[in-house]
Each structure stands twice: as structure tokens, then as C-alpha cells.
Amino acid sequence: MVQKILNKIIGAKYIGIARTWVPNMVAWGTVGGVALIHFTDWRLVLDYVPYIRGKFKTDE
């Protein structure tokens, strides 16, 4: 049903093109997310990971 609606809106040709690009976009999105975490405050992100959270306790 969804495919029929998409065929009417954008066409089968562009759906096929989008399907070939999805793995590439997922890979680059993952690389971008890892780079964002790497170049920003990585401890802030890792505080939400339960196993790693205990390793960075501060004495306040």
C-alpha cells in the first residue's frame, strides 16, 4: 500500500534510486555520528552508557 502511494507521488524510478542510496547514507550517517562524538565532549555522551558510567566518577 505504501509503495503504491509512493509510486504515485514520486515514481518508481526515484524509489529505485533511493533504495540504492540507503546503505550509503546509513554508512555515512554512522561515520558522522562517531566523528561528532569523537570531536565533542565524549565523556558527556559516555555518561549515558551504563557499563562505562561508573569508570568516570568524580569526587564532588
N, C-alpha and C. Protein backbone atom coordinates (compact mmCIF):
# COMPACT_ATOMS: atom_id res chain seq x y z
N MET A 1 0.82 -1.19 0.00
CA MET A 1 0.00 0.00 0.00
C MET A 1 0.87 1.26 0.00
N VAL A 2 1.88 1.27 0.85
CA VAL A 2 2.76 2.44 0.91
C VAL A 2 3.50 2.60 -0.40
N GLN A 3 3.92 1.49 -0.99
CA GLN A 3 4.65 1.57 -2.26
C GLN A 3 3.78 2.13 -3.37
N LYS A 4 2.49 1.79 -3.37
CA LYS A 4 1.59 2.33 -4.39
C LYS A 4 1.46 3.84 -4.24
N ILE A 5 1.38 4.30 -3.00
CA ILE A 5 1.26 5.74 -2.76
C ILE A 5 2.55 6.45 -3.19
N LEU A 6 3.70 5.87 -2.84
CA LEU A 6 4.97 6.47 -3.24
C LEU A 6 5.15 6.46 -4.75
N ASN A 7 4.69 5.39 -5.41
CA ASN A 7 4.77 5.35 -6.87
C ASN A 7 3.98 6.47 -7.50
N LYS A 8 2.83 6.79 -6.93
CA LYS A 8 2.02 7.87 -7.47
C LYS A 8 2.65 9.23 -7.21
N ILE A 9 3.30 9.38 -6.06
CA ILE A 9 3.85 10.69 -5.69
C ILE A 9 5.18 10.96 -6.37
N ILE A 10 6.15 10.04 -6.23
CA ILE A 10 7.48 10.33 -6.77
C ILE A 10 7.89 9.42 -7.92
N GLY A 11 7.25 8.32 -8.10
CA GLY A 11 7.56 7.45 -9.23
C GLY A 11 8.48 6.31 -8.88
N ALA A 12 8.36 5.23 -9.62
CA ALA A 12 9.14 4.01 -9.36
C ALA A 12 10.62 4.21 -9.62
N LYS A 13 10.96 5.04 -10.59
CA LYS A 13 12.36 5.28 -10.92
C LYS A 13 13.11 5.88 -9.72
N TYR A 14 12.51 6.86 -9.08
CA TYR A 14 13.18 7.52 -7.96
C TYR A 14 13.16 6.67 -6.70
N ILE A 15 12.20 5.78 -6.56
CA ILE A 15 12.20 4.85 -5.44
C ILE A 15 13.37 3.88 -5.59
N GLY A 16 13.62 3.42 -6.80
CA GLY A 16 14.76 2.53 -7.06
C GLY A 16 16.09 3.22 -6.78
N ILE A 17 16.18 4.47 -7.16
CA ILE A 17 17.41 5.24 -6.90
C ILE A 17 17.60 5.41 -5.40
N ALA A 18 16.53 5.71 -4.70
CA ALA A 18 16.63 5.90 -3.25
C ALA A 18 17.04 4.62 -2.55
N ARG A 19 16.55 3.47 -3.02
CA ARG A 19 16.91 2.19 -2.41
C ARG A 19 18.40 1.89 -2.58
N THR A 20 18.99 2.32 -3.66
CA THR A 20 20.42 2.07 -3.84
C THR A 20 21.26 2.99 -2.96
N TRP A 21 20.72 4.16 -2.59
CA TRP A 21 21.46 5.12 -1.79
C TRP A 21 21.32 4.88 -0.28
N VAL A 22 20.33 4.12 0.15
CA VAL A 22 20.08 3.94 1.59
C VAL A 22 21.29 3.35 2.32
N PRO A 23 21.92 2.27 1.86
CA PRO A 23 23.08 1.76 2.60
C PRO A 23 24.23 2.77 2.69
N ASN A 24 24.44 3.53 1.62
CA ASN A 24 25.48 4.54 1.61
C ASN A 24 25.17 5.64 2.62
N MET A 25 23.91 6.07 2.68
CA MET A 25 23.53 7.12 3.63
C MET A 25 23.63 6.63 5.07
N VAL A 26 23.31 5.37 5.31
CA VAL A 26 23.43 4.81 6.66
C VAL A 26 24.90 4.76 7.08
N ALA A 27 25.75 4.34 6.17
CA ALA A 27 27.19 4.27 6.49
C ALA A 27 27.75 5.65 6.79
N TRP A 28 27.47 6.63 5.95
CA TRP A 28 27.99 7.98 6.19
C TRP A 28 27.36 8.61 7.43
N GLY A 29 26.12 8.30 7.71
CA GLY A 29 25.50 8.80 8.94
C GLY A 29 26.17 8.23 10.18
N THR A 30 26.53 6.95 10.12
CA THR A 30 27.24 6.33 11.24
C THR A 30 28.62 6.95 11.41
N VAL A 31 29.32 7.14 10.32
CA VAL A 31 30.65 7.77 10.38
C VAL A 31 30.53 9.18 10.93
N GLY A 32 29.54 9.91 10.50
CA GLY A 32 29.33 11.27 11.01
C GLY A 32 29.00 11.29 12.48
N GLY A 33 28.18 10.35 12.94
CA GLY A 33 27.85 10.28 14.36
C GLY A 33 29.06 9.96 15.22
N VAL A 34 29.87 9.01 14.77
CA VAL A 34 31.09 8.67 15.51
C VAL A 34 32.05 9.85 15.52
N ALA A 35 32.19 10.55 14.40
CA ALA A 35 33.07 11.72 14.35
C ALA A 35 32.56 12.83 15.27
N LEU A 36 31.26 13.02 15.32
CA LEU A 36 30.68 14.04 16.20
C LEU A 36 30.98 13.73 17.65
N ILE A 37 30.83 12.47 18.04
CA ILE A 37 31.14 12.08 19.42
C ILE A 37 32.63 12.21 19.69
N HIS A 38 33.45 11.87 18.71
CA HIS A 38 34.90 11.92 18.89
C HIS A 38 35.39 13.36 19.08
N PHE A 39 34.88 14.28 18.31
CA PHE A 39 35.38 15.65 18.35
C PHE A 39 34.65 16.53 19.35
N THR A 40 33.61 16.01 20.00
CA THR A 40 32.94 16.77 21.06
C THR A 40 33.31 16.15 22.40
N ASP A 41 32.57 16.51 23.42
CA ASP A 41 32.86 16.01 24.76
C ASP A 41 32.40 14.57 24.87
N TRP A 42 33.29 13.62 24.63
CA TRP A 42 32.92 12.21 24.57
C TRP A 42 32.50 11.69 25.94
N ARG A 43 33.00 12.27 27.04
CA ARG A 43 32.57 11.82 28.36
C ARG A 43 31.10 12.14 28.59
N LEU A 44 30.63 13.23 28.06
CA LEU A 44 29.22 13.59 28.19
C LEU A 44 28.34 12.54 27.52
N VAL A 45 28.76 12.03 26.38
CA VAL A 45 28.00 11.00 25.68
C VAL A 45 28.11 9.67 26.41
N LEU A 46 29.32 9.31 26.86
CA LEU A 46 29.53 8.02 27.50
C LEU A 46 28.91 7.95 28.89
N ASP A 47 28.52 9.07 29.48
CA ASP A 47 27.83 9.03 30.77
C ASP A 47 26.48 8.34 30.67
N TYR A 48 25.93 8.22 29.48
CA TYR A 48 24.64 7.56 29.29
C TYR A 48 24.78 6.05 29.04
N VAL A 49 26.02 5.55 28.89
CA VAL A 49 26.24 4.13 28.70
C VAL A 49 26.41 3.51 30.09
N PRO A 50 25.52 2.60 30.49
CA PRO A 50 25.53 2.13 31.88
C PRO A 50 26.84 1.49 32.34
N TYR A 51 27.47 0.68 31.52
CA TYR A 51 28.68 -0.02 31.95
C TYR A 51 29.86 0.93 32.13
N ILE A 52 29.95 1.93 31.26
CA ILE A 52 31.09 2.84 31.28
C ILE A 52 30.89 3.97 32.29
N ARG A 53 29.65 4.26 32.66
CA ARG A 53 29.33 5.40 33.52
C ARG A 53 30.11 5.33 34.83
N GLY A 54 30.29 4.16 35.43
CA GLY A 54 30.96 4.05 36.72
C GLY A 54 32.44 4.31 36.68
N LYS A 55 33.06 4.22 35.52
CA LYS A 55 34.50 4.41 35.42
C LYS A 55 34.91 5.87 35.53
N PHE A 56 34.00 6.81 35.30
CA PHE A 56 34.36 8.23 35.27
C PHE A 56 33.71 8.99 36.43
N LYS A 57 33.59 8.37 37.58
CA LYS A 57 33.00 9.06 38.73
C LYS A 57 33.94 10.17 39.20
N THR A 58 33.34 11.30 39.57
CA THR A 58 34.12 12.41 40.11
C THR A 58 33.79 12.56 41.58
N ASP A 59 34.74 12.98 42.36
CA ASP A 59 34.53 13.17 43.80
C ASP A 59 34.08 14.61 44.04
N GLU A 60 32.79 14.80 44.11
CA GLU A 60 32.25 16.14 44.33
C GLU A 60 31.49 16.18 45.63
